[in-house]
Amino acid sequence: TGAIPRLDQATKATYPIGKAYIDQKVCIPWSGRADCIVCEEMCPLPDKAIKLEQHEVIDTWTGEPRMRYFPVVRHDLCIGCGLCEQKCPVNGEAAIRVVVDPMLY
């Protein structure tokens, strides 16, 4: 139908499918439940569109400070492939979702 144009790889990289966004209320580390780095590990980009930022938190069991990694999406690198959303281990709706930005098209 011509709805999907054939593009070379370099051109495709300039047209992201969408952008990933993290729901911090649902995300395992952001909600304080446990450690999780699945979305960063699954990101297929060499420079990783999802970075892990380390922050000190208070352990809910011991009351002691500890370091925890929190995923953060780099929207300037995200291509919207959806692997992070597909592999998110949260039960039900994923904590990281790819949203198509109508302003992109």
PDB file of N, CA and C in Angstrom:
ATOM      1  N   THR A   1       0.815  -1.209   0.000  1.00  0.00           N
ATOM      2  CA  THR A   1       0.000   0.000   0.000  1.00  0.00           C
ATOM      3  C   THR A   1       0.851   1.262   0.000  1.00  0.00           C
ATOM      4  N   GLY A   2       2.152   1.114   0.267  1.00  0.00           N
ATOM      5  CA  GLY A   2       3.029   2.278   0.317  1.00  0.00           C
ATOM      6  C   GLY A   2       3.018   2.985   1.658  1.00  0.00           C
ATOM      7  N   ALA A   3       2.297   2.395   2.634  1.00  0.00           N
ATOM      8  CA  ALA A   3       2.206   3.024   3.950  1.00  0.00           C
ATOM      9  C   ALA A   3       3.547   3.030   4.668  1.00  0.00           C
ATOM     10  N   ILE A   4       4.363   2.020   4.398  1.00  0.00           N
ATOM     11  CA  ILE A   4       5.679   1.939   5.040  1.00  0.00           C
ATOM     12  C   ILE A   4       6.740   2.104   3.959  1.00  0.00           C
ATOM     13  N   PRO A   5       7.387   3.246   3.919  1.00  0.00           N
ATOM     14  CA  PRO A   5       8.394   3.459   2.871  1.00  0.00           C
ATOM     15  C   PRO A   5       9.665   2.664   3.142  1.00  0.00           C
ATOM     16  N   ARG A   6      10.342   2.256   2.091  1.00  0.00           N
ATOM     17  CA  ARG A   6      11.634   1.586   2.224  1.00  0.00           C
ATOM     18  C   ARG A   6      12.687   2.648   2.488  1.00  0.00           C
ATOM     19  N   LEU A   7      13.400   2.477   3.603  1.00  0.00           N
ATOM     20  CA  LEU A   7      14.428   3.444   3.994  1.00  0.00           C
ATOM     21  C   LEU A   7      15.734   2.713   4.262  1.00  0.00           C
ATOM     22  N   ASP A   8      16.837   3.364   3.943  1.00  0.00           N
ATOM     23  CA  ASP A   8      18.129   2.781   4.292  1.00  0.00           C
ATOM     24  C   ASP A   8      18.341   2.921   5.794  1.00  0.00           C
ATOM     25  N   GLN A   9      19.303   2.182   6.334  1.00  0.00           N
ATOM     26  CA  GLN A   9      19.528   2.124   7.780  1.00  0.00           C
ATOM     27  C   GLN A   9      19.821   3.500   8.375  1.00  0.00           C
ATOM     28  N   ALA A  10      20.609   4.311   7.704  1.00  0.00           N
ATOM     29  CA  ALA A  10      20.957   5.646   8.229  1.00  0.00           C
ATOM     30  C   ALA A  10      19.718   6.530   8.335  1.00  0.00           C
ATOM     31  N   THR A  11      18.843   6.458   7.353  1.00  0.00           N
ATOM     32  CA  THR A  11      17.612   7.259   7.384  1.00  0.00           C
ATOM     33  C   THR A  11      16.675   6.759   8.469  1.00  0.00           C
ATOM     34  N   LYS A  12      16.576   5.432   8.621  1.00  0.00           N
ATOM     35  CA  LYS A  12      15.718   4.859   9.668  1.00  0.00           C
ATOM     36  C   LYS A  12      16.111   5.367  11.045  1.00  0.00           C
ATOM     37  N   ALA A  13      17.403   5.502  11.268  1.00  0.00           N
ATOM     38  CA  ALA A  13      17.891   5.945  12.582  1.00  0.00           C
ATOM     39  C   ALA A  13      17.442   7.360  12.915  1.00  0.00           C
ATOM     40  N   THR A  14      17.081   8.144  11.900  1.00  0.00           N
ATOM     41  CA  THR A  14      16.649   9.518  12.162  1.00  0.00           C
ATOM     42  C   THR A  14      15.143   9.605  12.420  1.00  0.00           C
ATOM     43  N   TYR A  15      14.422   8.495  12.265  1.00  0.00           N
ATOM     44  CA  TYR A  15      12.979   8.462  12.478  1.00  0.00           C
ATOM     45  C   TYR A  15      12.636   7.431  13.540  1.00  0.00           C
ATOM     46  N   PRO A  16      12.683   7.804  14.801  1.00  0.00           N
ATOM     47  CA  PRO A  16      12.368   6.840  15.856  1.00  0.00           C
ATOM     48  C   PRO A  16      10.901   6.418  15.809  1.00  0.00           C
ATOM     49  N   ILE A  17      10.651   5.183  16.216  1.00  0.00           N
ATOM     50  CA  ILE A  17       9.293   4.651  16.265  1.00  0.00           C
ATOM     51  C   ILE A  17       8.499   5.364  17.363  1.00  0.00           C
ATOM     52  N   GLY A  18       9.154   5.619  18.459  1.00  0.00           N
ATOM     53  CA  GLY A  18       8.558   6.266  19.620  1.00  0.00           C
ATOM     54  C   GLY A  18       9.650   6.478  20.646  1.00  0.00           C
ATOM     55  N   LYS A  19       9.268   6.772  21.858  1.00  0.00           N
ATOM     56  CA  LYS A  19      10.234   6.974  22.935  1.00  0.00           C
ATOM     57  C   LYS A  19       9.767   6.200  24.163  1.00  0.00           C
ATOM     58  N   ALA A  20      10.718   5.632  24.885  1.00  0.00           N
ATOM     59  CA  ALA A  20      10.406   4.876  26.095  1.00  0.00           C
ATOM     60  C   ALA A  20      10.270   5.823  27.287  1.00  0.00           C
ATOM     61  N   TYR A  21       9.309   5.532  28.137  1.00  0.00           N
ATOM     62  CA  TYR A  21       9.079   6.299  29.359  1.00  0.00           C
ATOM     63  C   TYR A  21       8.898   5.321  30.511  1.00  0.00           C
ATOM     64  N   ILE A  22       9.457   5.661  31.660  1.00  0.00           N
ATOM     65  CA  ILE A  22       9.381   4.801  32.844  1.00  0.00           C
ATOM     66  C   ILE A  22       8.309   5.316  33.792  1.00  0.00           C
ATOM     67  N   ASP A  23       7.419   4.416  34.203  1.00  0.00           N
ATOM     68  CA  ASP A  23       6.429   4.734  35.233  1.00  0.00           C
ATOM     69  C   ASP A  23       7.092   4.414  36.568  1.00  0.00           C
ATOM     70  N   GLN A  24       7.561   5.432  37.267  1.00  0.00           N
ATOM     71  CA  GLN A  24       8.331   5.235  38.490  1.00  0.00           C
ATOM     72  C   GLN A  24       7.505   4.612  39.611  1.00  0.00           C
ATOM     73  N   LYS A  25       6.182   4.711  39.535  1.00  0.00           N
ATOM     74  CA  LYS A  25       5.330   4.085  40.554  1.00  0.00           C
ATOM     75  C   LYS A  25       5.279   2.573  40.376  1.00  0.00           C
ATOM     76  N   VAL A  26       5.571   2.091  39.164  1.00  0.00           N
ATOM     77  CA  VAL A  26       5.488   0.666  38.852  1.00  0.00           C
ATOM     78  C   VAL A  26       6.867   0.023  38.758  1.00  0.00           C
ATOM     79  N   CYS A  27       7.864   0.776  38.326  1.00  0.00           N
ATOM     80  CA  CYS A  27       9.229   0.268  38.137  1.00  0.00           C
ATOM     81  C   CYS A  27       9.767  -0.296  39.455  1.00  0.00           C
ATOM     82  N   ILE A  28      10.345  -1.483  39.389  1.00  0.00           N
ATOM     83  CA  ILE A  28      10.798  -2.183  40.594  1.00  0.00           C
ATOM     84  C   ILE A  28      11.781  -1.353  41.423  1.00  0.00           C
ATOM     85  N   PRO A  29      12.895  -0.852  40.869  1.00  0.00           N
ATOM     86  CA  PRO A  29      13.787  -0.054  41.713  1.00  0.00           C
ATOM     87  C   PRO A  29      13.214   1.308  42.089  1.00  0.00           C
ATOM     88  N   TRP A  30      12.534   1.987  41.151  1.00  0.00           N
ATOM     89  CA  TRP A  30      11.992   3.314  41.468  1.00  0.00           C
ATOM     90  C   TRP A  30      10.928   3.245  42.557  1.00  0.00           C
ATOM     91  N   SER A  31      10.182   2.145  42.605  1.00  0.00           N
ATOM     92  CA  SER A  31       9.136   2.027  43.626  1.00  0.00           C
ATOM     93  C   SER A  31       9.697   1.517  44.949  1.00  0.00           C
ATOM     94  N   GLY A  32      11.008   1.201  44.976  1.00  0.00           N
ATOM     95  CA  GLY A  32      11.662   0.806  46.219  1.00  0.00           C
ATOM     96  C   GLY A  32      11.539  -0.653  46.576  1.00  0.00           C
ATOM     97  N   ARG A  33      11.062  -1.491  45.659  1.00  0.00           N
ATOM     98  CA  ARG A  33      10.827  -2.900  45.981  1.00  0.00           C
ATOM     99  C   ARG A  33      12.077  -3.763  45.927  1.00  0.00           C
ATOM    100  N   ALA A  34      12.942  -3.533  44.940  1.00  0.00           N
ATOM    101  CA  ALA A  34      14.135  -4.376  44.779  1.00  0.00           C
ATOM    102  C   ALA A  34      15.020  -3.788  43.693  1.00  0.00           C
ATOM    103  N   ASP A  35      16.117  -4.459  43.426  1.00  0.00           N
ATOM    104  CA  ASP A  35      16.987  -4.060  42.333  1.00  0.00           C
ATOM    105  C   ASP A  35      16.483  -4.685  41.029  1.00  0.00           C
ATOM    106  N   CYS A  36      16.694  -4.002  39.914  1.00  0.00           N
ATOM    107  CA  CYS A  36      16.338  -4.529  38.602  1.00  0.00           C
ATOM    108  C   CYS A  36      17.086  -3.704  37.558  1.00  0.00           C
ATOM    109  N   ILE A  37      17.722  -4.395  36.609  1.00  0.00           N
ATOM    110  CA  ILE A  37      18.438  -3.697  35.533  1.00  0.00           C
ATOM    111  C   ILE A  37      18.077  -4.288  34.167  1.00  0.00           C
ATOM    112  N   VAL A  38      16.946  -4.968  34.080  1.00  0.00           N
ATOM    113  CA  VAL A  38      16.561  -5.668  32.860  1.00  0.00           C
ATOM    114  C   VAL A  38      16.453  -4.725  31.669  1.00  0.00           C
ATOM    115  N   CYS A  39      15.780  -3.595  31.809  1.00  0.00           N
ATOM    116  CA  CYS A  39      15.579  -2.704  30.657  1.00  0.00           C
ATOM    117  C   CYS A  39      16.916  -2.195  30.109  1.00  0.00           C
ATOM    118  N   GLU A  40      17.855  -1.883  30.976  1.00  0.00           N
ATOM    119  CA  GLU A  40      19.172  -1.428  30.512  1.00  0.00           C
ATOM    120  C   GLU A  40      19.894  -2.564  29.796  1.00  0.00           C
ATOM    121  N   GLU A  41      19.820  -3.765  30.339  1.00  0.00           N
ATOM    122  CA  GLU A  41      20.480  -4.912  29.715  1.00  0.00           C
ATOM    123  C   GLU A  41      19.882  -5.242  28.350  1.00  0.00           C
ATOM    124  N   MET A  42      18.582  -5.065  28.181  1.00  0.00           N
ATOM    125  CA  MET A  42      17.905  -5.430  26.940  1.00  0.00           C
ATOM    126  C   MET A  42      18.046  -4.380  25.847  1.00  0.00           C
ATOM    127  N   CYS A  43      18.393  -3.167  26.194  1.00  0.00           N
ATOM    128  CA  CYS A  43      18.539  -2.111  25.186  1.00  0.00           C
ATOM    129  C   CYS A  43      19.592  -2.549  24.168  1.00  0.00           C
ATOM    130  N   PRO A  44      19.217  -2.643  22.871  1.00  0.00           N
ATOM    131  CA  PRO A  44      20.136  -3.170  21.871  1.00  0.00           C
ATOM    132  C   PRO A  44      21.153  -2.166  21.333  1.00  0.00           C
ATOM    133  N   LEU A  45      21.021  -0.924  21.725  1.00  0.00           N
ATOM    134  CA  LEU A  45      21.915   0.099  21.176  1.00  0.00           C
ATOM    135  C   LEU A  45      23.299   0.025  21.816  1.00  0.00           C
ATOM    136  N   PRO A  46      24.338   0.198  21.033  1.00  0.00           N
ATOM    137  CA  PRO A  46      25.702   0.138  21.587  1.00  0.00           C
ATOM    138  C   PRO A  46      25.938   1.158  22.697  1.00  0.00           C
ATOM    139  N   ASP A  47      25.346   2.352  22.563  1.00  0.00           N
ATOM    140  CA  ASP A  47      25.531   3.395  23.573  1.00  0.00           C
ATOM    141  C   ASP A  47      24.441   3.382  24.642  1.00  0.00           C
ATOM    142  N   LYS A  48      23.529   2.430  24.583  1.00  0.00           N
ATOM    143  CA  LYS A  48      22.447   2.237  25.552  1.00  0.00           C
ATOM    144  C   LYS A  48      21.601   3.496  25.763  1.00  0.00           C
ATOM    145  N   ALA A  49      20.356   3.422  25.338  1.00  0.00           N
ATOM    146  CA  ALA A  49      19.411   4.518  25.535  1.00  0.00           C
ATOM    147  C   ALA A  49      18.885   4.542  26.966  1.00  0.00           C
ATOM    148  N   ILE A  50      19.102   3.462  27.703  1.00  0.00           N
ATOM    149  CA  ILE A  50      18.698   3.405  29.109  1.00  0.00           C
ATOM    150  C   ILE A  50      19.973   3.310  29.937  1.00  0.00           C
ATOM    151  N   LYS A  51      20.169   4.296  30.759  1.00  0.00           N
ATOM    152  CA  LYS A  51      21.343   4.339  31.631  1.00  0.00           C
ATOM    153  C   LYS A  51      20.907   4.030  33.051  1.00  0.00           C
ATOM    154  N   LEU A  52      21.835   3.506  33.835  1.00  0.00           N
ATOM    155  CA  LEU A  52      21.563   3.243  35.246  1.00  0.00           C
ATOM    156  C   LEU A  52      22.260   4.303  36.083  1.00  0.00           C
ATOM    157  N   GLU A  53      21.466   5.018  36.865  1.00  0.00           N
ATOM    158  CA  GLU A  53      22.024   6.016  37.779  1.00  0.00           C
ATOM    159  C   GLU A  53      22.039   5.419  39.175  1.00  0.00           C
ATOM    160  N   GLN A  54      23.150   5.578  39.851  1.00  0.00           N
ATOM    161  CA  GLN A  54      23.303   5.021  41.194  1.00  0.00           C
ATOM    162  C   GLN A  54      22.957   6.088  42.225  1.00  0.00           C
ATOM    163  N   HIS A  55      22.092   5.703  43.168  1.00  0.00           N
ATOM    164  CA  HIS A  55      21.679   6.606  44.247  1.00  0.00           C
ATOM    165  C   HIS A  55      21.701   5.848  45.569  1.00  0.00           C
ATOM    166  N   GLU A  56      21.984   6.555  46.621  1.00  0.00           N
ATOM    167  CA  GLU A  56      21.931   5.954  47.951  1.00  0.00           C
ATOM    168  C   GLU A  56      20.485   5.946  48.436  1.00  0.00           C
ATOM    169  N   VAL A  57      20.059   4.808  48.967  1.00  0.00           N
ATOM    170  CA  VAL A  57      18.717   4.659  49.527  1.00  0.00           C
ATOM    171  C   VAL A  57      18.833   4.024  50.907  1.00  0.00           C
ATOM    172  N   ILE A  58      17.778   4.087  51.667  1.00  0.00           N
ATOM    173  CA  ILE A  58      17.731   3.419  52.966  1.00  0.00           C
ATOM    174  C   ILE A  58      17.054   2.068  52.767  1.00  0.00           C
ATOM    175  N   ASP A  59      17.749   1.010  53.121  1.00  0.00           N
ATOM    176  CA  ASP A  59      17.213  -0.342  52.997  1.00  0.00           C
ATOM    177  C   ASP A  59      16.019  -0.481  53.928  1.00  0.00           C
ATOM    178  N   THR A  60      14.885  -0.913  53.379  1.00  0.00           N
ATOM    179  CA  THR A  60      13.660  -1.007  54.181  1.00  0.00           C
ATOM    180  C   THR A  60      13.712  -2.109  55.228  1.00  0.00           C
ATOM    181  N   TRP A  61      14.574  -3.117  55.033  1.00  0.00           N
ATOM    182  CA  TRP A  61      14.680  -4.205  56.001  1.00  0.00           C
ATOM    183  C   TRP A  61      15.641  -3.879  57.129  1.00  0.00           C
ATOM    184  N   THR A  62      16.803  -3.290  56.771  1.00  0.00           N
ATOM    185  CA  THR A  62      17.832  -3.065  57.788  1.00  0.00           C
ATOM    186  C   THR A  62      17.878  -1.631  58.289  1.00  0.00           C
ATOM    187  N   GLY A  63      17.296  -0.700  57.526  1.00  0.00           N
ATOM    188  CA  GLY A  63      17.369   0.711  57.892  1.00  0.00           C
ATOM    189  C   GLY A  63      18.724   1.333  57.582  1.00  0.00           C
ATOM    190  N   GLU A  64      19.596   0.557  56.962  1.00  0.00           N
ATOM    191  CA  GLU A  64      20.953   1.023  56.628  1.00  0.00           C
ATOM    192  C   GLU A  64      20.983   1.613  55.218  1.00  0.00           C
ATOM    193  N   PRO A  65      21.861   2.585  55.002  1.00  0.00           N
ATOM    194  CA  PRO A  65      22.002   3.115  53.641  1.00  0.00           C
ATOM    195  C   PRO A  65      22.672   2.086  52.730  1.00  0.00           C
ATOM    196  N   ARG A  66      22.244   2.073  51.477  1.00  0.00           N
ATOM    197  CA  ARG A  66      22.853   1.212  50.467  1.00  0.00           C
ATOM    198  C   ARG A  66      22.703   1.879  49.116  1.00  0.00           C
ATOM    199  N   MET A  67      23.457   1.396  48.139  1.00  0.00           N
ATOM    200  CA  MET A  67      23.386   1.947  46.797  1.00  0.00           C
ATOM    201  C   MET A  67      22.418   1.117  45.956  1.00  0.00           C
ATOM    202  N   ARG A  68      21.628   1.796  45.132  1.00  0.00           N
ATOM    203  CA  ARG A  68      20.699   1.122  44.224  1.00  0.00           C
ATOM    204  C   ARG A  68      20.790   1.804  42.865  1.00  0.00           C
ATOM    205  N   TYR A  69      20.641   1.006  41.801  1.00  0.00           N
ATOM    206  CA  TYR A  69      20.654   1.531  40.435  1.00  0.00           C
ATOM    207  C   TYR A  69      19.225   1.792  39.966  1.00  0.00           C
ATOM    208  N   PHE A  70      19.031   2.952  39.339  1.00  0.00           N
ATOM    209  CA  PHE A  70      17.729   3.354  38.839  1.00  0.00           C
ATOM    210  C   PHE A  70      17.830   3.597  37.334  1.00  0.00           C
ATOM    211  N   PRO A  71      16.945   2.978  36.526  1.00  0.00           N
ATOM    212  CA  PRO A  71      17.000   3.196  35.092  1.00  0.00           C
ATOM    213  C   PRO A  71      16.466   4.571  34.705  1.00  0.00           C
ATOM    214  N   VAL A  72      17.143   5.183  33.749  1.00  0.00           N
ATOM    215  CA  VAL A  72      16.756   6.489  33.216  1.00  0.00           C
ATOM    216  C   VAL A  72      16.867   6.414  31.699  1.00  0.00           C
ATOM    217  N   VAL A  73      15.827   6.841  30.990  1.00  0.00           N
ATOM    218  CA  VAL A  73      15.831   6.796  29.524  1.00  0.00           C
ATOM    219  C   VAL A  73      16.501   8.041  28.963  1.00  0.00           C
ATOM    220  N   ARG A  74      17.436   7.829  28.051  1.00  0.00           N
ATOM    221  CA  ARG A  74      18.062   8.930  27.292  1.00  0.00           C
ATOM    222  C   ARG A  74      17.275   9.073  25.999  1.00  0.00           C
ATOM    223  N   HIS A  75      16.342  10.013  25.983  1.00  0.00           N
ATOM    224  CA  HIS A  75      15.466  10.179  24.826  1.00  0.00           C
ATOM    225  C   HIS A  75      16.214  10.583  23.563  1.00  0.00           C
ATOM    226  N   ASP A  76      17.388  11.173  23.716  1.00  0.00           N
ATOM    227  CA  ASP A  76      18.162  11.538  22.528  1.00  0.00           C
ATOM    228  C   ASP A  76      18.731  10.302  21.830  1.00  0.00           C
ATOM    229  N   LEU A  77      18.783   9.158  22.519  1.00  0.00           N
ATOM    230  CA  LEU A  77      19.304   7.917  21.942  1.00  0.00           C
ATOM    231  C   LEU A  77      18.218   6.884  21.650  1.00  0.00           C
ATOM    232  N   CYS A  78      17.088   6.959  22.340  1.00  0.00           N
ATOM    233  CA  CYS A  78      16.037   5.949  22.222  1.00  0.00           C
ATOM    234  C   CYS A  78      15.442   5.938  20.815  1.00  0.00           C
ATOM    235  N   ILE A  79      15.329   4.724  20.237  1.00  0.00           N
ATOM    236  CA  ILE A  79      14.733   4.572  18.910  1.00  0.00           C
ATOM    237  C   ILE A  79      13.329   3.982  18.982  1.00  0.00           C
ATOM    238  N   GLY A  80      12.872   3.651  20.186  1.00  0.00           N
ATOM    239  CA  GLY A  80      11.516   3.144  20.361  1.00  0.00           C
ATOM    240  C   GLY A  80      11.312   1.718  19.903  1.00  0.00           C
ATOM    241  N   CYS A  81      12.345   0.884  19.971  1.00  0.00           N
ATOM    242  CA  CYS A  81      12.243  -0.491  19.479  1.00  0.00           C
ATOM    243  C   CYS A  81      11.305  -1.347  20.317  1.00  0.00           C
ATOM    244  N   GLY A  82      11.157  -1.046  21.614  1.00  0.00           N
ATOM    245  CA  GLY A  82      10.224  -1.750  22.471  1.00  0.00           C
ATOM    246  C   GLY A  82      10.769  -2.963  23.204  1.00  0.00           C
ATOM    247  N   LEU A  83      12.046  -3.298  23.022  1.00  0.00           N
ATOM    248  CA  LEU A  83      12.596  -4.459  23.730  1.00  0.00           C
ATOM    249  C   LEU A  83      12.533  -4.278  25.246  1.00  0.00           C
ATOM    250  N   CYS A  84      12.789  -3.077  25.715  1.00  0.00           N
ATOM    251  CA  CYS A  84      12.733  -2.816  27.157  1.00  0.00           C
ATOM    252  C   CYS A  84      11.336  -3.088  27.702  1.00  0.00           C
ATOM    253  N   GLU A  85      10.328  -2.643  26.981  1.00  0.00           N
ATOM    254  CA  GLU A  85       8.939  -2.861  27.398  1.00  0.00           C
ATOM    255  C   GLU A  85       8.590  -4.352  27.360  1.00  0.00           C
ATOM    256  N   GLN A  86       8.999  -5.021  26.312  1.00  0.00           N
ATOM    257  CA  GLN A  86       8.696  -6.441  26.144  1.00  0.00           C
ATOM    258  C   GLN A  86       9.339  -7.297  27.230  1.00  0.00           C
ATOM    259  N   LYS A  87      10.542  -6.945  27.677  1.00  0.00           N
ATOM    260  CA  LYS A  87      11.280  -7.764  28.637  1.00  0.00           C
ATOM    261  C   LYS A  87      11.114  -7.323  30.091  1.00  0.00           C
ATOM    262  N   CYS A  88      10.406  -6.240  30.338  1.00  0.00           N
ATOM    263  CA  CYS A  88      10.204  -5.757  31.705  1.00  0.00           C
ATOM    264  C   CYS A  88       9.573  -6.863  32.554  1.00  0.00           C
ATOM    265  N   PRO A  89      10.165  -7.190  33.712  1.00  0.00           N
ATOM    266  CA  PRO A  89       9.662  -8.302  34.522  1.00  0.00           C
ATOM    267  C   PRO A  89       8.467  -7.981  35.417  1.00  0.00           C
ATOM    268  N   VAL A  90       7.966  -6.762  35.365  1.00  0.00           N
ATOM    269  CA  VAL A  90       6.825  -6.390  36.196  1.00  0.00           C
ATOM    270  C   VAL A  90       5.593  -7.166  35.734  1.00  0.00           C
ATOM    271  N   ASN A  91       4.822  -7.685  36.672  1.00  0.00           N
ATOM    272  CA  ASN A  91       3.575  -8.381  36.340  1.00  0.00           C
ATOM    273  C   ASN A  91       2.546  -7.368  35.854  1.00  0.00           C
ATOM    274  N   GLY A  92       1.787  -7.745  34.854  1.00  0.00           N
ATOM    275  CA  GLY A  92       0.793  -6.837  34.287  1.00  0.00           C
ATOM    276  C   GLY A  92       1.448  -5.893  33.295  1.00  0.00           C
ATOM    277  N   GLU A  93       0.985  -4.664  33.266  1.00  0.00           N
ATOM    278  CA  GLU A  93       1.527  -3.672  32.336  1.00  0.00           C
ATOM    279  C   GLU A  93       2.965  -3.338  32.697  1.00  0.00           C
ATOM    280  N   ALA A  94       3.831  -3.296  31.694  1.00  0.00           N
ATOM    281  CA  ALA A  94       5.251  -3.024  31.913  1.00  0.00           C
ATOM    282  C   ALA A  94       5.468  -1.665  32.556  1.00  0.00           C
ATOM    283  N   ALA A  95       6.544  -1.555  33.317  1.00  0.00           N
ATOM    284  CA  ALA A  95       6.892  -0.295  33.976  1.00  0.00           C
ATOM    285  C   ALA A  95       7.534   0.681  32.995  1.00  0.00           C
ATOM    286  N   ILE A  96       8.021   0.166  31.880  1.00  0.00           N
ATOM    287  CA  ILE A  96       8.604   1.021  30.846  1.00  0.00           C
ATOM    288  C   ILE A  96       7.787   0.800  29.580  1.00  0.00           C
ATOM    289  N   ARG A  97       7.312   1.891  28.999  1.00  0.00           N
ATOM    290  CA  ARG A  97       6.423   1.808  27.838  1.00  0.00           C
ATOM    291  C   ARG A  97       6.947   2.693  26.728  1.00  0.00           C
ATOM    292  N   VAL A  98       6.820   2.192  25.501  1.00  0.00           N
ATOM    293  CA  VAL A  98       7.181   2.993  24.334  1.00  0.00           C
ATOM    294  C   VAL A  98       5.925   3.703  23.858  1.00  0.00           C
ATOM    295  N   VAL A  99       6.035   5.007  23.760  1.00  0.00           N
ATOM    296  CA  VAL A  99       4.911   5.840  23.349  1.00  0.00           C
ATOM    297  C   VAL A  99       5.272   6.494  22.027  1.00  0.00           C
ATOM    298  N   VAL A 100       4.367   6.400  21.064  1.00  0.00           N
ATOM    299  CA  VAL A 100       4.574   7.060  19.789  1.00  0.00           C
ATOM    300  C   VAL A 100       4.250   8.532  19.964  1.00  0.00           C
ATOM    301  N   ASP A 101       5.203   9.363  19.612  1.00  0.00           N
ATOM    302  CA  ASP A 101       5.028  10.806  19.721  1.00  0.00           C
ATOM    303  C   ASP A 101       4.462  11.328  18.408  1.00  0.00           C
ATOM    304  N   PRO A 102       3.216  11.820  18.411  1.00  0.00           N
ATOM    305  CA  PRO A 102       2.626  12.303  17.160  1.00  0.00           C
ATOM    306  C   PRO A 102       3.403  13.464  16.539  1.00  0.00           C
ATOM    307  N   MET A 103       4.211  14.138  17.339  1.00  0.00           N
ATOM    308  CA  MET A 103       5.010  15.254  16.809  1.00  0.00           C
ATOM    309  C   MET A 103       6.166  14.752  15.937  1.00  0.00           C
ATOM    310  N   LEU A 104       6.482  13.432  16.041  1.00  0.00           N
ATOM    311  CA  LEU A 104       7.550  12.883  15.220  1.00  0.00           C
ATOM    312  C   LEU A 104       7.139  12.748  13.776  1.00  0.00           C
ATOM    313  N   TYR A 105       5.845  12.679  13.531  1.00  0.00           N
ATOM    314  CA  TYR A 105       5.366  12.396  12.170  1.00  0.00           C
ATOM    315  C   TYR A 105       4.453  13.460  11.729  1.00  0.00           C
TER     316      TYR A 105
END
